């Protein structure tokens, strides 16, 4: 094989690895985005729950110390 042909083969090999890495990273980003969405939803739900607790207790959260402390 010629030097040029060897270089093309090396470039094709590197390109194949790069494509595989991009695909893997893309899949991982997609999974993380789904996880972030679930966590944001969970945080919003917890925040709403805390607000409801505060409203039901006269504006004071159950774990807060009373004002006279």
Protein backbone atom coordinates (compact mmCIF):
# COMPACT_ATOMS: atom_id res chain seq x y z
CA UNK A 1 0.00 0.00 0.00
CA UNK A 2 1.07 3.54 -0.64
CA UNK A 3 1.69 6.14 1.99
CA UNK A 4 -1.40 8.07 0.89
CA UNK A 5 -3.57 4.97 1.16
CA UNK A 6 -2.24 4.25 4.66
CA UNK A 7 -3.05 7.81 5.69
CA UNK A 8 -6.60 7.48 4.36
CA UNK A 9 -7.07 4.24 6.29
CA UNK A 10 -5.80 5.91 9.48
CA UNK A 11 -8.17 8.83 8.93
CA UNK A 12 -11.11 6.46 8.35
CA UNK A 13 -10.29 4.57 11.55
CA UNK A 14 -10.09 7.81 13.55
CA UNK A 15 -13.35 9.01 11.99
CA UNK A 16 -15.09 5.76 12.94
CA UNK A 17 -13.93 6.15 16.56
CA UNK A 18 -14.99 9.81 16.59
CA UNK A 19 -18.46 8.93 15.23
CA UNK A 20 -18.86 6.24 17.88
CA UNK A 21 -17.82 8.66 20.62
CA UNK A 22 -20.24 11.33 19.37
CA UNK A 23 -23.07 8.78 19.34
CA UNK A 24 -22.22 7.65 22.88
CA UNK A 25 -22.05 11.23 24.14
CA UNK A 26 -25.32 12.11 22.44
CA UNK A 27 -27.05 9.15 24.10
CA UNK A 28 -25.60 10.10 27.50
CA UNK A 29 -26.74 13.72 27.09
CA UNK A 30 -30.23 12.51 26.22
CA UNK A 31 -30.34 10.31 29.35
CA UNK A 32 -29.09 13.15 31.53
CA UNK A 33 -31.64 15.57 30.09
CA UNK A 34 -34.41 13.12 30.97
CA UNK A 35 -33.01 12.79 34.48
CA UNK A 36 -32.80 16.59 34.85
CA UNK A 37 -36.42 16.88 33.78
CA UNK A 38 -37.50 14.37 36.41
CA UNK A 39 -35.46 16.14 39.10
CA UNK A 40 -36.92 19.53 38.16
CA UNK A 41 -40.39 18.05 38.39
CA UNK A 42 -39.57 16.54 41.78
CA UNK A 43 -38.18 19.86 43.08
CA UNK A 44 -41.29 21.72 41.92
CA UNK A 45 -43.48 19.16 43.67
CA UNK A 46 -41.47 19.44 46.90
CA UNK A 47 -41.57 23.23 46.76
CA UNK A 48 -45.33 23.17 46.35
CA UNK A 49 -45.62 20.73 49.26
CA UNK A 50 -43.51 23.01 51.48
CA UNK A 51 -45.61 26.03 50.51
CA UNK A 52 -48.78 24.11 51.36
CA UNK A 53 -47.33 23.15 54.75
CA UNK A 54 -46.41 26.76 55.46
CA UNK A 55 -49.89 28.00 54.51
CA UNK A 56 -51.57 25.38 56.69
CA UNK A 57 -49.38 26.31 59.68
CA UNK A 58 -49.98 30.05 59.60
CA UNK A 59 -46.93 30.85 57.50
CA UNK A 60 -44.52 28.95 59.73
CA UNK A 61 -42.85 25.76 58.58
CA UNK A 62 -42.95 22.81 61.01
CA UNK A 63 -39.15 22.67 61.46
CA UNK A 64 -38.68 26.40 62.13
CA UNK A 65 -38.05 27.60 65.66
CA UNK A 66 -40.78 29.72 67.18
CA UNK A 67 -40.11 33.50 67.14
CA UNK A 68 -39.36 33.69 70.89
CA UNK A 69 -36.07 31.72 70.52
